[in-house]
Amino acid sequence: SGNMVQLKVEDNGKGYDYRQSYGKQSFGMQLLQVFVKQL
């Protein structure tokens, strides 16, 4: 919309969160943070 791009991924699961379930230093969370930073 305009210059803003919005990407959303959602599920109806048990409500996990990388930062809560796997810790801030989990490999998956690190990857996600790198990709978000590059964007």
PDB file of all heavy atoms in Angstrom:
ATOM      1  N   SER A   1       0.853  -1.177   0.000  1.00  0.00           N
ATOM      2  CA  SER A   1       0.000   0.000   0.000  1.00  0.00           C
ATOM      3  C   SER A   1       0.891   1.229   0.000  1.00  0.00           C
ATOM      4  O   SER A   1       1.617   1.481   0.968  1.00  0.00           O
ATOM      5  CB  SER A   1      -0.914   0.001   1.228  1.00  0.00           C
ATOM      6  OG  SER A   1      -1.720   1.166   1.254  1.00  0.00           O
ATOM      7  N   GLY A   2       0.857   1.971  -1.099  1.00  0.00           N
ATOM      8  CA  GLY A   2       1.788   3.083  -1.238  1.00  0.00           C
ATOM      9  C   GLY A   2       3.211   2.557  -1.317  1.00  0.00           C
ATOM     10  O   GLY A   2       3.528   1.717  -2.147  1.00  0.00           O
ATOM     11  N   ASN A   3       4.066   3.041  -0.428  1.00  0.00           N
ATOM     12  CA  ASN A   3       5.450   2.572  -0.379  1.00  0.00           C
ATOM     13  C   ASN A   3       5.671   1.499   0.692  1.00  0.00           C
ATOM     14  O   ASN A   3       6.791   1.016   0.844  1.00  0.00           O
ATOM     15  CB  ASN A   3       6.397   3.747  -0.111  1.00  0.00           C
ATOM     16  CG  ASN A   3       6.394   4.749  -1.238  1.00  0.00           C
ATOM     17  OD1 ASN A   3       6.308   4.375  -2.406  1.00  0.00           O
ATOM     18  ND2 ASN A   3       6.469   6.034  -0.905  1.00  0.00           N
ATOM     19  N   MET A   4       4.621   1.143   1.425  1.00  0.00           N
ATOM     20  CA  MET A   4       4.763   0.195   2.531  1.00  0.00           C
ATOM     21  C   MET A   4       4.383  -1.218   2.085  1.00  0.00           C
ATOM     22  O   MET A   4       3.292  -1.438   1.562  1.00  0.00           O
ATOM     23  CB  MET A   4       3.894   0.613   3.716  1.00  0.00           C
ATOM     24  CG  MET A   4       3.970  -0.314   4.913  1.00  0.00           C
ATOM     25  SD  MET A   4       5.629  -0.372   5.646  1.00  0.00           S
ATOM     26  CE  MET A   4       5.742   1.290   6.333  1.00  0.00           C
ATOM     27  N   VAL A   5       5.295  -2.152   2.306  1.00  0.00           N
ATOM     28  CA  VAL A   5       5.039  -3.558   2.020  1.00  0.00           C
ATOM     29  C   VAL A   5       4.824  -4.279   3.345  1.00  0.00           C
ATOM     30  O   VAL A   5       5.573  -4.070   4.305  1.00  0.00           O
ATOM     31  CB  VAL A   5       6.210  -4.200   1.253  1.00  0.00           C
ATOM     32  CG1 VAL A   5       5.946  -5.690   1.031  1.00  0.00           C
ATOM     33  CG2 VAL A   5       6.433  -3.492  -0.074  1.00  0.00           C
ATOM     34  N   GLN A   6       3.793  -5.115   3.399  1.00  0.00           N
ATOM     35  CA  GLN A   6       3.459  -5.843   4.621  1.00  0.00           C
ATOM     36  C   GLN A   6       3.431  -7.338   4.329  1.00  0.00           C
ATOM     37  O   GLN A   6       2.698  -7.802   3.456  1.00  0.00           O
ATOM     38  CB  GLN A   6       2.105  -5.391   5.161  1.00  0.00           C
ATOM     39  CG  GLN A   6       1.633  -6.151   6.393  1.00  0.00           C
ATOM     40  CD  GLN A   6       0.325  -5.624   6.920  1.00  0.00           C
ATOM     41  OE1 GLN A   6       0.212  -4.470   7.330  1.00  0.00           O
ATOM     42  NE2 GLN A   6      -0.708  -6.451   6.904  1.00  0.00           N
ATOM     43  N   LEU A   7       4.257  -8.079   5.056  1.00  0.00           N
ATOM     44  CA  LEU A   7       4.303  -9.531   4.962  1.00  0.00           C
ATOM     45  C   LEU A   7       3.878 -10.105   6.312  1.00  0.00           C
ATOM     46  O   LEU A   7       4.427  -9.739   7.345  1.00  0.00           O
ATOM     47  CB  LEU A   7       5.719  -9.995   4.616  1.00  0.00           C
ATOM     48  CG  LEU A   7       6.050 -11.485   4.798  1.00  0.00           C
ATOM     49  CD1 LEU A   7       5.171 -12.345   3.906  1.00  0.00           C
ATOM     50  CD2 LEU A   7       7.522 -11.741   4.523  1.00  0.00           C
ATOM     51  N   LYS A   8       2.887 -11.012   6.283  1.00  0.00           N
ATOM     52  CA  LYS A   8       2.388 -11.592   7.528  1.00  0.00           C
ATOM     53  C   LYS A   8       2.260 -13.099   7.368  1.00  0.00           C
ATOM     54  O   LYS A   8       1.701 -13.594   6.387  1.00  0.00           O
ATOM     55  CB  LYS A   8       1.028 -10.991   7.879  1.00  0.00           C
ATOM     56  CG  LYS A   8       0.528 -11.368   9.277  1.00  0.00           C
ATOM     57  CD  LYS A   8      -0.756 -10.615   9.606  1.00  0.00           C
ATOM     58  CE  LYS A   8      -1.215 -10.879  11.035  1.00  0.00           C
ATOM     59  NZ  LYS A   8      -2.457 -10.152  11.363  1.00  0.00           N
ATOM     60  N   VAL A   9       2.804 -13.827   8.335  1.00  0.00           N
ATOM     61  CA  VAL A   9       2.680 -15.287   8.388  1.00  0.00           C
ATOM     62  C   VAL A   9       2.091 -15.630   9.751  1.00  0.00           C
ATOM     63  O   VAL A   9       2.657 -15.289  10.788  1.00  0.00           O
ATOM     64  CB  VAL A   9       4.045 -15.981   8.199  1.00  0.00           C
ATOM     65  CG1 VAL A   9       3.877 -17.500   8.290  1.00  0.00           C
ATOM     66  CG2 VAL A   9       4.672 -15.595   6.867  1.00  0.00           C
ATOM     67  N   GLU A  10       0.935 -16.307   9.744  1.00  0.00           N
ATOM     68  CA  GLU A  10       0.268 -16.620  11.002  1.00  0.00           C
ATOM     69  C   GLU A  10      -0.278 -18.043  10.978  1.00  0.00           C
ATOM     70  O   GLU A  10      -0.553 -18.606   9.916  1.00  0.00           O
ATOM     71  CB  GLU A  10      -0.867 -15.628  11.275  1.00  0.00           C
ATOM     72  CG  GLU A  10      -1.861 -15.488  10.147  1.00  0.00           C
ATOM     73  CD  GLU A  10      -2.836 -14.347  10.377  1.00  0.00           C
ATOM     74  OE1 GLU A  10      -3.324 -14.203  11.522  1.00  0.00           O
ATOM     75  OE2 GLU A  10      -3.113 -13.611   9.422  1.00  0.00           O
ATOM     76  N   ASP A  11      -0.399 -18.629  12.181  1.00  0.00           N
ATOM     77  CA  ASP A  11      -0.963 -19.975  12.297  1.00  0.00           C
ATOM     78  C   ASP A  11      -1.904 -20.024  13.494  1.00  0.00           C
ATOM     79  O   ASP A  11      -1.950 -19.107  14.314  1.00  0.00           O
ATOM     80  CB  ASP A  11       0.147 -21.022  12.423  1.00  0.00           C
ATOM     81  CG  ASP A  11       0.992 -20.839  13.680  1.00  0.00           C
ATOM     82  OD1 ASP A  11       0.422 -20.836  14.785  1.00  0.00           O
ATOM     83  OD2 ASP A  11       2.235 -20.697  13.559  1.00  0.00           O
ATOM     84  N   ASN A  12      -2.675 -21.101  13.574  1.00  0.00           N
ATOM     85  CA  ASN A  12      -3.622 -21.283  14.686  1.00  0.00           C
ATOM     86  C   ASN A  12      -3.102 -22.285  15.709  1.00  0.00           C
ATOM     87  O   ASN A  12      -3.872 -22.957  16.394  1.00  0.00           O
ATOM     88  CB  ASN A  12      -4.980 -21.761  14.148  1.00  0.00           C
ATOM     89  CG  ASN A  12      -4.910 -23.169  13.565  1.00  0.00           C
ATOM     90  OD1 ASN A  12      -3.847 -23.593  13.095  1.00  0.00           O
ATOM     91  ND2 ASN A  12      -6.024 -23.892  13.586  1.00  0.00           N
ATOM     92  N   GLY A  13      -1.779 -22.384  15.804  1.00  0.00           N
ATOM     93  CA  GLY A  13      -1.156 -23.360  16.694  1.00  0.00           C
ATOM     94  C   GLY A  13      -1.162 -22.944  18.145  1.00  0.00           C
ATOM     95  O   GLY A  13      -1.954 -22.108  18.584  1.00  0.00           O
ATOM     96  N   LYS A  14      -0.213 -23.469  18.877  1.00  0.00           N
ATOM     97  CA  LYS A  14      -0.212 -23.310  20.335  1.00  0.00           C
ATOM     98  C   LYS A  14       0.381 -21.996  20.815  1.00  0.00           C
ATOM     99  O   LYS A  14       0.554 -21.789  22.013  1.00  0.00           O
ATOM    100  CB  LYS A  14       0.542 -24.471  20.975  1.00  0.00           C
ATOM    101  CG  LYS A  14       1.997 -24.594  20.521  1.00  0.00           C
ATOM    102  CD  LYS A  14       2.633 -25.825  21.151  1.00  0.00           C
ATOM    103  CE  LYS A  14       4.086 -25.973  20.733  1.00  0.00           C
ATOM    104  NZ  LYS A  14       4.715 -27.164  21.329  1.00  0.00           N
ATOM    105  N   GLY A  15       0.718 -21.109  19.901  1.00  0.00           N
ATOM    106  CA  GLY A  15       1.152 -19.781  20.315  1.00  0.00           C
ATOM    107  C   GLY A  15       2.602 -19.705  20.719  1.00  0.00           C
ATOM    108  O   GLY A  15       2.942 -19.051  21.692  1.00  0.00           O
ATOM    109  N   TYR A  16       3.473 -20.386  19.970  1.00  0.00           N
ATOM    110  CA  TYR A  16       4.888 -20.334  20.297  1.00  0.00           C
ATOM    111  C   TYR A  16       5.503 -19.053  19.742  1.00  0.00           C
ATOM    112  O   TYR A  16       4.938 -18.386  18.880  1.00  0.00           O
ATOM    113  CB  TYR A  16       5.624 -21.546  19.708  1.00  0.00           C
ATOM    114  CG  TYR A  16       5.866 -21.440  18.222  1.00  0.00           C
ATOM    115  CD1 TYR A  16       7.099 -21.011  17.731  1.00  0.00           C
ATOM    116  CD2 TYR A  16       4.859 -21.757  17.305  1.00  0.00           C
ATOM    117  CE1 TYR A  16       7.322 -20.897  16.380  1.00  0.00           C
ATOM    118  CE2 TYR A  16       5.082 -21.643  15.955  1.00  0.00           C
ATOM    119  CZ  TYR A  16       6.307 -21.214  15.488  1.00  0.00           C
ATOM    120  OH  TYR A  16       6.515 -21.091  14.143  1.00  0.00           O
ATOM    121  N   ASP A  17       6.651 -18.706  20.243  1.00  0.00           N
ATOM    122  CA  ASP A  17       7.398 -17.536  19.773  1.00  0.00           C
ATOM    123  C   ASP A  17       8.873 -17.899  19.829  1.00  0.00           C
ATOM    124  O   ASP A  17       9.346 -18.432  20.832  1.00  0.00           O
ATOM    125  CB  ASP A  17       7.098 -16.330  20.684  1.00  0.00           C
ATOM    126  CG  ASP A  17       7.804 -15.056  20.239  1.00  0.00           C
ATOM    127  OD1 ASP A  17       8.699 -15.141  19.381  1.00  0.00           O
ATOM    128  OD2 ASP A  17       7.475 -13.988  20.775  1.00  0.00           O
ATOM    129  N   TYR A  18       9.603 -17.620  18.779  1.00  0.00           N
ATOM    130  CA  TYR A  18      11.047 -17.890  18.784  1.00  0.00           C
ATOM    131  C   TYR A  18      11.690 -17.401  20.071  1.00  0.00           C
ATOM    132  O   TYR A  18      12.443 -18.087  20.738  1.00  0.00           O
ATOM    133  CB  TYR A  18      11.727 -17.168  17.619  1.00  0.00           C
ATOM    134  CG  TYR A  18      11.643 -17.862  16.294  1.00  0.00           C
ATOM    135  CD1 TYR A  18      11.228 -17.172  15.169  1.00  0.00           C
ATOM    136  CD2 TYR A  18      12.017 -19.197  16.153  1.00  0.00           C
ATOM    137  CE1 TYR A  18      11.169 -17.786  13.930  1.00  0.00           C
ATOM    138  CE2 TYR A  18      11.958 -19.818  14.924  1.00  0.00           C
ATOM    139  CZ  TYR A  18      11.535 -19.112  13.816  1.00  0.00           C
ATOM    140  OH  TYR A  18      11.469 -19.715  12.611  1.00  0.00           O
ATOM    141  N   ARG A  19      11.381 -16.168  20.433  1.00  0.00           N
ATOM    142  CA  ARG A  19      12.066 -15.556  21.572  1.00  0.00           C
ATOM    143  C   ARG A  19      11.656 -16.186  22.900  1.00  0.00           C
ATOM    144  O   ARG A  19      12.405 -16.174  23.857  1.00  0.00           O
ATOM    145  CB  ARG A  19      11.780 -14.049  21.574  1.00  0.00           C
ATOM    146  CG  ARG A  19      12.505 -13.325  20.463  1.00  0.00           C
ATOM    147  CD  ARG A  19      11.998 -11.924  20.252  1.00  0.00           C
ATOM    148  NE  ARG A  19      10.637 -11.925  19.727  1.00  0.00           N
ATOM    149  CZ  ARG A  19      10.051 -10.837  19.235  1.00  0.00           C
ATOM    150  NH1 ARG A  19      10.700  -9.692  19.218  1.00  0.00           N
ATOM    151  NH2 ARG A  19       8.837 -10.886  18.762  1.00  0.00           N
ATOM    152  N   GLN A  20      10.457 -16.736  22.952  1.00  0.00           N
ATOM    153  CA  GLN A  20      10.004 -17.367  24.185  1.00  0.00           C
ATOM    154  C   GLN A  20      10.369 -18.846  24.233  1.00  0.00           C
ATOM    155  O   GLN A  20      10.792 -19.361  25.258  1.00  0.00           O
ATOM    156  CB  GLN A  20       8.481 -17.214  24.301  1.00  0.00           C
ATOM    157  CG  GLN A  20       8.030 -15.765  24.459  1.00  0.00           C
ATOM    158  CD  GLN A  20       6.516 -15.644  24.435  1.00  0.00           C
ATOM    159  OE1 GLN A  20       5.810 -16.644  24.418  1.00  0.00           O
ATOM    160  NE2 GLN A  20       6.022 -14.416  24.434  1.00  0.00           N
ATOM    161  N   SER A  21      10.194 -19.550  23.093  1.00  0.00           N
ATOM    162  CA  SER A  21      10.356 -21.002  23.090  1.00  0.00           C
ATOM    163  C   SER A  21      11.788 -21.448  22.864  1.00  0.00           C
ATOM    164  O   SER A  21      12.209 -22.486  23.356  1.00  0.00           O
ATOM    165  CB  SER A  21       9.458 -21.617  22.007  1.00  0.00           C
ATOM    166  OG  SER A  21       8.113 -21.276  22.232  1.00  0.00           O
ATOM    167  N   TYR A  22      12.558 -20.683  22.084  1.00  0.00           N
ATOM    168  CA  TYR A  22      13.879 -21.151  21.695  1.00  0.00           C
ATOM    169  C   TYR A  22      15.005 -20.219  22.132  1.00  0.00           C
ATOM    170  O   TYR A  22      16.164 -20.500  21.891  1.00  0.00           O
ATOM    171  CB  TYR A  22      13.924 -21.339  20.171  1.00  0.00           C
ATOM    172  CG  TYR A  22      12.783 -22.180  19.694  1.00  0.00           C
ATOM    173  CD1 TYR A  22      11.752 -21.614  18.981  1.00  0.00           C
ATOM    174  CD2 TYR A  22      12.713 -23.535  20.019  1.00  0.00           C
ATOM    175  CE1 TYR A  22      10.673 -22.380  18.575  1.00  0.00           C
ATOM    176  CE2 TYR A  22      11.638 -24.300  19.619  1.00  0.00           C
ATOM    177  CZ  TYR A  22      10.622 -23.723  18.891  1.00  0.00           C
ATOM    178  OH  TYR A  22       9.563 -24.467  18.496  1.00  0.00           O
ATOM    179  N   GLY A  23      14.655 -19.106  22.748  1.00  0.00           N
ATOM    180  CA  GLY A  23      15.694 -18.225  23.242  1.00  0.00           C
ATOM    181  C   GLY A  23      16.146 -17.241  22.177  1.00  0.00           C
ATOM    182  O   GLY A  23      16.054 -17.496  20.985  1.00  0.00           O
ATOM    183  N   LYS A  24      16.648 -16.118  22.625  1.00  0.00           N
ATOM    184  CA  LYS A  24      17.046 -15.075  21.693  1.00  0.00           C
ATOM    185  C   LYS A  24      18.200 -15.498  20.808  1.00  0.00           C
ATOM    186  O   LYS A  24      18.407 -14.947  19.735  1.00  0.00           O
ATOM    187  CB  LYS A  24      17.408 -13.800  22.470  1.00  0.00           C
ATOM    188  CG  LYS A  24      16.216 -13.143  23.151  1.00  0.00           C
ATOM    189  CD  LYS A  24      16.607 -11.827  23.790  1.00  0.00           C
ATOM    190  CE  LYS A  24      15.397 -11.134  24.410  1.00  0.00           C
ATOM    191  NZ  LYS A  24      15.745  -9.832  25.019  1.00  0.00           N
ATOM    192  N   GLN A  25      19.009 -16.464  21.236  1.00  0.00           N
ATOM    193  CA  GLN A  25      20.169 -16.862  20.452  1.00  0.00           C
ATOM    194  C   GLN A  25      19.912 -18.127  19.629  1.00  0.00           C
ATOM    195  O   GLN A  25      20.853 -18.733  19.127  1.00  0.00           O
ATOM    196  CB  GLN A  25      21.364 -17.072  21.377  1.00  0.00           C
ATOM    197  CG  GLN A  25      21.780 -15.819  22.142  1.00  0.00           C
ATOM    198  CD  GLN A  25      22.039 -14.648  21.228  1.00  0.00           C
ATOM    199  OE1 GLN A  25      22.714 -14.790  20.214  1.00  0.00           O
ATOM    200  NE2 GLN A  25      21.517 -13.482  21.580  1.00  0.00           N
ATOM    201  N   SER A  26      18.653 -18.567  19.510  1.00  0.00           N
ATOM    202  CA  SER A  26      18.370 -19.739  18.681  1.00  0.00           C
ATOM    203  C   SER A  26      18.757 -19.436  17.239  1.00  0.00           C
ATOM    204  O   SER A  26      18.698 -18.300  16.779  1.00  0.00           O
ATOM    205  CB  SER A  26      16.889 -20.107  18.762  1.00  0.00           C
ATOM    206  OG  SER A  26      16.107 -19.133  18.101  1.00  0.00           O
ATOM    207  N   PHE A  27      19.137 -20.478  16.515  1.00  0.00           N
ATOM    208  CA  PHE A  27      19.576 -20.304  15.129  1.00  0.00           C
ATOM    209  C   PHE A  27      18.447 -19.736  14.270  1.00  0.00           C
ATOM    210  O   PHE A  27      18.663 -18.844  13.444  1.00  0.00           O
ATOM    211  CB  PHE A  27      20.061 -21.644  14.576  1.00  0.00           C
ATOM    212  CG  PHE A  27      20.592 -21.551  13.178  1.00  0.00           C
ATOM    213  CD1 PHE A  27      21.733 -20.818  12.888  1.00  0.00           C
ATOM    214  CD2 PHE A  27      19.937 -22.194  12.136  1.00  0.00           C
ATOM    215  CE1 PHE A  27      22.220 -20.725  11.593  1.00  0.00           C
ATOM    216  CE2 PHE A  27      20.422 -22.117  10.838  1.00  0.00           C
ATOM    217  CZ  PHE A  27      21.569 -21.376  10.558  1.00  0.00           C
ATOM    218  N   GLY A  28      17.230 -20.249  14.471  1.00  0.00           N
ATOM    219  CA  GLY A  28      16.100 -19.757  13.689  1.00  0.00           C
ATOM    220  C   GLY A  28      15.839 -18.282  13.927  1.00  0.00           C
ATOM    221  O   GLY A  28      15.583 -17.523  12.997  1.00  0.00           O
ATOM    222  N   MET A  29      15.910 -17.848  15.191  1.00  0.00           N
ATOM    223  CA  MET A  29      15.677 -16.444  15.504  1.00  0.00           C
ATOM    224  C   MET A  29      16.785 -15.564  14.950  1.00  0.00           C
ATOM    225  O   MET A  29      16.540 -14.468  14.447  1.00  0.00           O
ATOM    226  CB  MET A  29      15.576 -16.256  17.022  1.00  0.00           C
ATOM    227  CG  MET A  29      15.100 -14.870  17.430  1.00  0.00           C
ATOM    228  SD  MET A  29      13.445 -14.539  16.807  1.00  0.00           S
ATOM    229  CE  MET A  29      13.361 -12.761  17.013  1.00  0.00           C
ATOM    230  N   GLN A  30      18.011 -16.045  15.023  1.00  0.00           N
ATOM    231  CA  GLN A  30      19.127 -15.283  14.454  1.00  0.00           C
ATOM    232  C   GLN A  30      18.949 -15.090  12.952  1.00  0.00           C
ATOM    233  O   GLN A  30      19.161 -14.001  12.414  1.00  0.00           O
ATOM    234  CB  GLN A  30      20.446 -16.005  14.739  1.00  0.00           C
ATOM    235  CG  GLN A  30      20.872 -15.969  16.198  1.00  0.00           C
ATOM    236  CD  GLN A  30      22.177 -16.710  16.409  1.00  0.00           C
ATOM    237  OE1 GLN A  30      23.137 -16.520  15.688  1.00  0.00           O
ATOM    238  NE2 GLN A  30      22.203 -17.585  17.410  1.00  0.00           N
ATOM    239  N   LEU A  31      18.549 -16.169  12.256  1.00  0.00           N
ATOM    240  CA  LEU A  31      18.316 -16.064  10.818  1.00  0.00           C
ATOM    241  C   LEU A  31      17.215 -15.054  10.514  1.00  0.00           C
ATOM    242  O   LEU A  31      17.350 -14.209   9.626  1.00  0.00           O
ATOM    243  CB  LEU A  31      17.939 -17.423  10.236  1.00  0.00           C
ATOM    244  CG  LEU A  31      19.058 -18.414   9.956  1.00  0.00           C
ATOM    245  CD1 LEU A  31      18.478 -19.696   9.382  1.00  0.00           C
ATOM    246  CD2 LEU A  31      20.076 -17.822   8.971  1.00  0.00           C
ATOM    247  N   LEU A  32      16.106 -15.164  11.239  1.00  0.00           N
ATOM    248  CA  LEU A  32      14.981 -14.261  11.014  1.00  0.00           C
ATOM    249  C   LEU A  32      15.398 -12.804  11.218  1.00  0.00           C
ATOM    250  O   LEU A  32      15.051 -11.921  10.418  1.00  0.00           O
ATOM    251  CB  LEU A  32      13.831 -14.624  11.951  1.00  0.00           C
ATOM    252  CG  LEU A  32      12.550 -13.801  11.789  1.00  0.00           C
ATOM    253  CD1 LEU A  32      11.965 -13.984  10.402  1.00  0.00           C
ATOM    254  CD2 LEU A  32      11.527 -14.186  12.858  1.00  0.00           C
ATOM    255  N   GLN A  33      16.163 -12.545  12.265  1.00  0.00           N
ATOM    256  CA  GLN A  33      16.618 -11.187  12.543  1.00  0.00           C
ATOM    257  C   GLN A  33      17.541 -10.673  11.436  1.00  0.00           C
ATOM    258  O   GLN A  33      17.474  -9.503  11.048  1.00  0.00           O
ATOM    259  CB  GLN A  33      17.318 -11.138  13.896  1.00  0.00           C
ATOM    260  CG  GLN A  33      16.372 -11.319  15.079  1.00  0.00           C
ATOM    261  CD  GLN A  33      17.105 -11.417  16.405  1.00  0.00           C
ATOM    262  OE1 GLN A  33      18.281 -11.751  16.462  1.00  0.00           O
ATOM    263  NE2 GLN A  33      16.394 -11.138  17.485  1.00  0.00           N
ATOM    264  N   VAL A  34      18.391 -11.545  10.907  1.00  0.00           N
ATOM    265  CA  VAL A  34      19.285 -11.153   9.810  1.00  0.00           C
ATOM    266  C   VAL A  34      18.471 -10.788   8.571  1.00  0.00           C
ATOM    267  O   VAL A  34      18.714  -9.752   7.932  1.00  0.00           O
ATOM    268  CB  VAL A  34      20.272 -12.289   9.481  1.00  0.00           C
ATOM    269  CG1 VAL A  34      21.001 -12.002   8.166  1.00  0.00           C
ATOM    270  CG2 VAL A  34      21.290 -12.440  10.606  1.00  0.00           C
ATOM    271  N   PHE A  35      17.485 -11.625   8.221  1.00  0.00           N
ATOM    272  CA  PHE A  35      16.681 -11.366   7.027  1.00  0.00           C
ATOM    273  C   PHE A  35      15.882 -10.072   7.169  1.00  0.00           C
ATOM    274  O   PHE A  35      15.787  -9.277   6.227  1.00  0.00           O
ATOM    275  CB  PHE A  35      15.721 -12.534   6.766  1.00  0.00           C
ATOM    276  CG  PHE A  35      16.412 -13.860   6.567  1.00  0.00           C
ATOM    277  CD1 PHE A  35      15.776 -15.051   6.912  1.00  0.00           C
ATOM    278  CD2 PHE A  35      17.699 -13.919   6.047  1.00  0.00           C
ATOM    279  CE1 PHE A  35      16.403 -16.270   6.725  1.00  0.00           C
ATOM    280  CE2 PHE A  35      18.345 -15.133   5.871  1.00  0.00           C
ATOM    281  CZ  PHE A  35      17.696 -16.308   6.206  1.00  0.00           C
ATOM    282  N   VAL A  36      15.304  -9.857   8.352  1.00  0.00           N
ATOM    283  CA  VAL A  36      14.531  -8.641   8.605  1.00  0.00           C
ATOM    284  C   VAL A  36      15.431  -7.417   8.527  1.00  0.00           C
ATOM    285  O   VAL A  36      15.061  -6.376   7.957  1.00  0.00           O
ATOM    286  CB  VAL A  36      13.834  -8.725   9.974  1.00  0.00           C
ATOM    287  CG1 VAL A  36      13.243  -7.371  10.369  1.00  0.00           C
ATOM    288  CG2 VAL A  36      12.734  -9.778   9.950  1.00  0.00           C
ATOM    289  N   LYS A  37      16.624  -7.542   9.064  1.00  0.00           N
ATOM    290  CA  LYS A  37      17.569  -6.420   9.034  1.00  0.00           C
ATOM    291  C   LYS A  37      17.965  -6.080   7.604  1.00  0.00           C
ATOM    292  O   LYS A  37      18.084  -4.900   7.245  1.00  0.00           O
ATOM    293  CB  LYS A  37      18.813  -6.767   9.858  1.00  0.00           C
ATOM    294  CG  LYS A  37      19.816  -5.629   9.948  1.00  0.00           C
ATOM    295  CD  LYS A  37      21.002  -6.012  10.830  1.00  0.00           C
ATOM    296  CE  LYS A  37      22.009  -4.870  10.923  1.00  0.00           C
ATOM    297  NZ  LYS A  37      23.167  -5.236  11.789  1.00  0.00           N
ATOM    298  N   GLN A  38      18.169  -7.086   6.772  1.00  0.00           N
ATOM    299  CA  GLN A  38      18.542  -6.837   5.380  1.00  0.00           C
ATOM    300  C   GLN A  38      17.427  -6.107   4.634  1.00  0.00           C
ATOM    301  O   GLN A  38      17.699  -5.336   3.710  1.00  0.00           O
ATOM    302  CB  GLN A  38      18.869  -8.161   4.683  1.00  0.00           C
ATOM    303  CG  GLN A  38      20.140  -8.829   5.171  1.00  0.00           C
ATOM    304  CD  GLN A  38      21.373  -7.974   4.954  1.00  0.00           C
ATOM    305  OE1 GLN A  38      21.527  -7.344   3.910  1.00  0.00           O
ATOM    306  NE2 GLN A  38      22.245  -7.934   5.937  1.00  0.00           N
ATOM    307  N   LEU A  39      16.193  -6.346   5.019  1.00  0.00           N
ATOM    308  CA  LEU A  39      15.065  -5.641   4.392  1.00  0.00           C
ATOM    309  C   LEU A  39      14.856  -4.251   4.994  1.00  0.00           C
ATOM    310  O   LEU A  39      14.010  -3.497   4.512  1.00  0.00           O
ATOM    311  CB  LEU A  39      13.781  -6.454   4.580  1.00  0.00           C
ATOM    312  CG  LEU A  39      13.564  -7.656   3.666  1.00  0.00           C
ATOM    313  CD1 LEU A  39      12.314  -8.427   4.107  1.00  0.00           C
ATOM    314  CD2 LEU A  39      13.424  -7.231   2.216  1.00  0.00           C
TER     315      LEU A  39
END
